[in-house]
Amino acid sequence: MEQTNHSQQKLQDFLAQFCWDIELDESLLPDLLDGNIETLGGLDRANLFAKLLTGTDWYTLLKIIPDKDLNYLLSDNVLNRLFPKELKELYLYARRLL
């Protein structure tokens, strides 16, 4: 049980790194990631995923994004928020491979 809480705290801290510019309740970031809530402090789930795609590597994403959400992670709704264009193209390629 304690390990689960520790893991949850680590995930929360990791996600908070990408939301430094938004005032929000960081303890709810894992719920936003999992889709239990759709928005948090003006941040919606698609924006969180775009921040993660922009700021971390693919293998880390595979560890924290549930398999059921990989299609959403690589959806047009998320990818259209990416900058620069080359990053978007990289993930479009990854989507075609999946």
N, C-alpha and C. Protein backbone atom coordinates (compact mmCIF):
# COMPACT_ATOMS: atom_id res chain seq x y z
N MET A 1 0.84 -1.20 0.00
CA MET A 1 0.00 0.00 0.00
C MET A 1 0.87 1.25 0.00
N GLU A 2 1.90 1.27 0.84
CA GLU A 2 2.78 2.43 0.92
C GLU A 2 3.51 2.63 -0.41
N GLN A 3 3.90 1.52 -1.06
CA GLN A 3 4.58 1.60 -2.35
C GLN A 3 3.66 2.27 -3.38
N THR A 4 2.39 1.94 -3.36
CA THR A 4 1.43 2.53 -4.28
C THR A 4 1.35 4.04 -4.06
N ASN A 5 1.28 4.46 -2.81
CA ASN A 5 1.24 5.88 -2.51
C ASN A 5 2.52 6.57 -2.95
N HIS A 6 3.65 5.89 -2.75
CA HIS A 6 4.94 6.44 -3.18
C HIS A 6 4.96 6.58 -4.71
N SER A 7 4.49 5.56 -5.41
CA SER A 7 4.46 5.59 -6.86
C SER A 7 3.53 6.69 -7.36
N GLN A 8 2.40 6.83 -6.70
CA GLN A 8 1.44 7.88 -7.06
C GLN A 8 2.06 9.26 -6.85
N GLN A 9 2.80 9.43 -5.78
CA GLN A 9 3.47 10.70 -5.50
C GLN A 9 4.54 10.98 -6.55
N LYS A 10 5.29 9.95 -6.94
CA LYS A 10 6.31 10.12 -7.97
C LYS A 10 5.68 10.54 -9.30
N LEU A 11 4.55 9.91 -9.65
CA LEU A 11 3.85 10.28 -10.88
C LEU A 11 3.35 11.71 -10.79
N GLN A 12 2.76 12.06 -9.67
CA GLN A 12 2.27 13.43 -9.46
C GLN A 12 3.40 14.44 -9.60
N ASP A 13 4.53 14.17 -8.99
CA ASP A 13 5.68 15.07 -9.07
C ASP A 13 6.21 15.18 -10.50
N PHE A 14 6.24 14.05 -11.20
CA PHE A 14 6.69 14.05 -12.59
C PHE A 14 5.77 14.91 -13.46
N LEU A 15 4.47 14.72 -13.32
CA LEU A 15 3.51 15.48 -14.12
C LEU A 15 3.55 16.97 -13.78
N ALA A 16 3.78 17.28 -12.52
CA ALA A 16 3.81 18.68 -12.09
C ALA A 16 4.93 19.46 -12.77
N GLN A 17 6.00 18.78 -13.16
CA GLN A 17 7.10 19.45 -13.87
C GLN A 17 6.64 20.10 -15.16
N PHE A 18 5.61 19.54 -15.78
CA PHE A 18 5.13 20.03 -17.06
C PHE A 18 4.03 21.08 -16.91
N CYS A 19 3.63 21.33 -15.69
CA CYS A 19 2.51 22.24 -15.44
C CYS A 19 2.93 23.40 -14.55
N TRP A 20 4.18 23.72 -14.55
CA TRP A 20 4.72 24.78 -13.69
C TRP A 20 4.08 26.13 -13.98
N ASP A 21 3.57 26.30 -15.21
CA ASP A 21 3.04 27.60 -15.63
C ASP A 21 1.54 27.74 -15.40
N ILE A 22 0.94 26.75 -14.74
CA ILE A 22 -0.50 26.75 -14.53
C ILE A 22 -0.77 26.54 -13.04
N GLU A 23 -1.66 27.34 -12.49
CA GLU A 23 -2.04 27.16 -11.09
C GLU A 23 -3.12 26.08 -11.02
N LEU A 24 -2.78 24.98 -10.36
CA LEU A 24 -3.72 23.87 -10.24
C LEU A 24 -3.38 23.01 -9.05
N ASP A 25 -4.29 22.12 -8.70
CA ASP A 25 -4.08 21.17 -7.61
C ASP A 25 -3.29 19.98 -8.17
N GLU A 26 -1.99 19.97 -7.91
CA GLU A 26 -1.11 18.95 -8.47
C GLU A 26 -1.51 17.53 -8.08
N SER A 27 -2.18 17.38 -6.95
CA SER A 27 -2.57 16.04 -6.51
C SER A 27 -3.58 15.41 -7.44
N LEU A 28 -4.23 16.22 -8.29
CA LEU A 28 -5.23 15.69 -9.23
C LEU A 28 -4.67 15.41 -10.62
N LEU A 29 -3.39 15.69 -10.84
CA LEU A 29 -2.79 15.45 -12.15
C LEU A 29 -2.88 13.99 -12.60
N PRO A 30 -2.63 13.01 -11.71
CA PRO A 30 -2.80 11.61 -12.15
C PRO A 30 -4.24 11.31 -12.59
N ASP A 31 -5.22 11.94 -11.98
CA ASP A 31 -6.61 11.75 -12.40
C ASP A 31 -6.85 12.32 -13.79
N LEU A 32 -6.23 13.44 -14.10
CA LEU A 32 -6.34 14.03 -15.44
C LEU A 32 -5.65 13.12 -16.45
N LEU A 33 -4.49 12.61 -16.11
CA LEU A 33 -3.77 11.70 -17.00
C LEU A 33 -4.61 10.46 -17.31
N ASP A 34 -5.25 9.91 -16.29
CA ASP A 34 -6.04 8.69 -16.45
C ASP A 34 -7.41 8.92 -17.07
N GLY A 35 -7.82 10.18 -17.20
CA GLY A 35 -9.12 10.48 -17.78
C GLY A 35 -10.26 10.46 -16.78
N ASN A 36 -9.94 10.40 -15.48
CA ASN A 36 -10.98 10.44 -14.45
C ASN A 36 -11.61 11.81 -14.36
N ILE A 37 -10.84 12.84 -14.76
CA ILE A 37 -11.36 14.20 -14.89
C ILE A 37 -10.90 14.73 -16.24
N GLU A 38 -11.64 15.65 -16.83
CA GLU A 38 -11.31 16.16 -18.16
C GLU A 38 -10.51 17.46 -18.14
N THR A 39 -10.68 18.27 -17.11
CA THR A 39 -9.94 19.52 -17.02
C THR A 39 -9.49 19.73 -15.57
N LEU A 40 -8.43 20.53 -15.46
CA LEU A 40 -7.88 20.84 -14.14
C LEU A 40 -7.20 22.19 -14.24
N GLY A 41 -7.75 23.18 -13.57
CA GLY A 41 -7.16 24.51 -13.54
C GLY A 41 -6.93 25.12 -14.91
N GLY A 42 -7.83 24.89 -15.82
CA GLY A 42 -7.69 25.42 -17.17
C GLY A 42 -6.88 24.53 -18.11
N LEU A 43 -6.36 23.43 -17.61
CA LEU A 43 -5.60 22.47 -18.40
C LEU A 43 -6.51 21.30 -18.74
N ASP A 44 -6.66 21.02 -20.03
CA ASP A 44 -7.43 19.84 -20.37
C ASP A 44 -6.50 18.67 -20.65
N ARG A 45 -7.07 17.51 -20.79
CA ARG A 45 -6.28 16.30 -20.95
C ARG A 45 -5.42 16.34 -22.21
N ALA A 46 -5.94 16.86 -23.30
CA ALA A 46 -5.18 16.94 -24.55
C ALA A 46 -3.96 17.84 -24.38
N ASN A 47 -4.11 18.94 -23.66
CA ASN A 47 -2.97 19.83 -23.42
C ASN A 47 -1.92 19.16 -22.53
N LEU A 48 -2.36 18.40 -21.54
CA LEU A 48 -1.41 17.67 -20.70
C LEU A 48 -0.63 16.69 -21.56
N PHE A 49 -1.32 15.95 -22.43
CA PHE A 49 -0.64 14.99 -23.28
C PHE A 49 0.32 15.70 -24.24
N ALA A 50 -0.07 16.85 -24.76
CA ALA A 50 0.82 17.61 -25.66
C ALA A 50 2.07 18.07 -24.90
N LYS A 51 1.89 18.51 -23.67
CA LYS A 51 3.04 18.91 -22.86
C LYS A 51 3.98 17.73 -22.64
N LEU A 52 3.41 16.56 -22.39
CA LEU A 52 4.23 15.37 -22.17
C LEU A 52 4.96 14.97 -23.46
N LEU A 53 4.27 15.01 -24.59
CA LEU A 53 4.92 14.67 -25.86
C LEU A 53 6.05 15.63 -26.18
N THR A 54 5.88 16.87 -25.82
CA THR A 54 6.89 17.89 -26.09
C THR A 54 8.08 17.79 -25.14
N GLY A 55 7.82 17.36 -23.91
CA GLY A 55 8.85 17.47 -22.89
C GLY A 55 9.50 16.21 -22.39
N THR A 56 9.08 15.05 -22.89
CA THR A 56 9.70 13.81 -22.39
C THR A 56 9.86 12.82 -23.54
N ASP A 57 10.58 11.76 -23.28
CA ASP A 57 10.85 10.80 -24.34
C ASP A 57 9.74 9.75 -24.45
N TRP A 58 9.70 9.10 -25.57
CA TRP A 58 8.66 8.13 -25.90
C TRP A 58 8.61 6.98 -24.89
N TYR A 59 9.75 6.49 -24.47
CA TYR A 59 9.78 5.34 -23.57
C TYR A 59 9.24 5.68 -22.19
N THR A 60 9.46 6.88 -21.74
CA THR A 60 8.87 7.33 -20.48
C THR A 60 7.36 7.42 -20.63
N LEU A 61 6.91 7.94 -21.76
CA LEU A 61 5.46 8.03 -22.01
C LEU A 61 4.81 6.66 -21.98
N LEU A 62 5.47 5.68 -22.58
CA LEU A 62 4.91 4.32 -22.59
C LEU A 62 4.78 3.75 -21.18
N LYS A 63 5.62 4.21 -20.26
CA LYS A 63 5.55 3.74 -18.88
C LYS A 63 4.40 4.38 -18.11
N ILE A 64 4.05 5.63 -18.45
CA ILE A 64 3.05 6.33 -17.63
C ILE A 64 1.68 6.43 -18.28
N ILE A 65 1.60 6.30 -19.59
CA ILE A 65 0.31 6.39 -20.28
C ILE A 65 -0.28 4.99 -20.37
N PRO A 66 -1.49 4.80 -19.88
CA PRO A 66 -2.13 3.48 -20.00
C PRO A 66 -2.28 3.09 -21.47
N ASP A 67 -2.11 1.81 -21.77
CA ASP A 67 -2.22 1.33 -23.15
C ASP A 67 -3.51 1.77 -23.81
N LYS A 68 -4.58 1.79 -23.04
CA LYS A 68 -5.89 2.16 -23.59
C LYS A 68 -5.91 3.61 -24.09
N ASP A 69 -4.96 4.43 -23.67
CA ASP A 69 -4.94 5.85 -24.02
C ASP A 69 -3.90 6.21 -25.09
N LEU A 70 -3.18 5.22 -25.62
CA LEU A 70 -2.17 5.53 -26.63
C LEU A 70 -2.79 6.13 -27.90
N ASN A 71 -3.97 5.64 -28.30
CA ASN A 71 -4.63 6.22 -29.46
C ASN A 71 -4.99 7.68 -29.21
N TYR A 72 -5.45 7.98 -28.01
CA TYR A 72 -5.77 9.37 -27.68
C TYR A 72 -4.51 10.22 -27.64
N LEU A 73 -3.43 9.67 -27.07
CA LEU A 73 -2.16 10.39 -27.00
C LEU A 73 -1.70 10.82 -28.39
N LEU A 74 -1.95 9.97 -29.38
CA LEU A 74 -1.50 10.25 -30.74
C LEU A 74 -2.63 10.72 -31.66
N SER A 75 -3.71 11.19 -31.06
CA SER A 75 -4.85 11.68 -31.85
C SER A 75 -4.55 13.06 -32.43
N ASP A 76 -5.30 13.42 -33.46
CA ASP A 76 -5.14 14.75 -34.06
C ASP A 76 -5.39 15.84 -33.03
N ASN A 77 -6.32 15.61 -32.12
CA ASN A 77 -6.63 16.58 -31.08
C ASN A 77 -5.40 16.94 -30.25
N VAL A 78 -4.54 15.98 -30.00
CA VAL A 78 -3.31 16.21 -29.24
C VAL A 78 -2.18 16.66 -30.16
N LEU A 79 -1.98 15.95 -31.26
CA LEU A 79 -0.84 16.23 -32.13
C LEU A 79 -0.91 17.62 -32.77
N ASN A 80 -2.11 18.13 -33.01
CA ASN A 80 -2.23 19.46 -33.60
C ASN A 80 -1.78 20.57 -32.65
N ARG A 81 -1.53 20.25 -31.41
CA ARG A 81 -1.06 21.22 -30.42
C ARG A 81 0.47 21.25 -30.31
N LEU A 82 1.14 20.37 -31.03
CA LEU A 82 2.59 20.25 -30.91
C LEU A 82 3.33 21.28 -31.76
N PHE A 83 4.45 21.70 -31.22
CA PHE A 83 5.36 22.59 -31.92
C PHE A 83 6.77 22.17 -31.51
N PRO A 84 7.68 22.08 -32.39
CA PRO A 84 7.69 22.44 -33.80
C PRO A 84 7.03 21.38 -34.68
N LYS A 85 6.86 21.73 -35.93
CA LYS A 85 6.19 20.87 -36.91
C LYS A 85 6.87 19.49 -37.00
N GLU A 86 8.19 19.46 -36.89
CA GLU A 86 8.92 18.20 -36.99
C GLU A 86 8.55 17.23 -35.87
N LEU A 87 8.26 17.77 -34.71
CA LEU A 87 7.84 16.92 -33.59
C LEU A 87 6.49 16.28 -33.90
N LYS A 88 5.58 17.07 -34.43
CA LYS A 88 4.28 16.54 -34.83
C LYS A 88 4.46 15.44 -35.87
N GLU A 89 5.31 15.66 -36.84
CA GLU A 89 5.54 14.67 -37.89
C GLU A 89 6.14 13.38 -37.32
N LEU A 90 7.00 13.50 -36.34
CA LEU A 90 7.59 12.34 -35.68
C LEU A 90 6.50 11.48 -35.04
N TYR A 91 5.58 12.12 -34.34
CA TYR A 91 4.52 11.35 -33.68
C TYR A 91 3.45 10.88 -34.65
N LEU A 92 3.25 11.55 -35.76
CA LEU A 92 2.37 11.03 -36.81
C LEU A 92 2.95 9.73 -37.36
N TYR A 93 4.25 9.70 -37.52
CA TYR A 93 4.92 8.48 -37.97
C TYR A 93 4.74 7.36 -36.93
N ALA A 94 4.92 7.68 -35.67
CA ALA A 94 4.73 6.69 -34.60
C ALA A 94 3.30 6.16 -34.62
N ARG A 95 2.33 7.03 -34.85
CA ARG A 95 0.93 6.61 -34.90
C ARG A 95 0.72 5.63 -36.05
N ARG A 96 1.32 5.90 -37.19
CA ARG A 96 1.16 4.99 -38.34
C ARG A 96 1.75 3.62 -38.02
N LEU A 97 2.83 3.59 -37.25
CA LEU A 97 3.46 2.32 -36.90
C LEU A 97 2.62 1.50 -35.91
N LEU A 98 1.87 2.20 -35.06
CA LEU A 98 1.04 1.49 -34.07
C LEU A 98 -0.20 1.02 -34.75
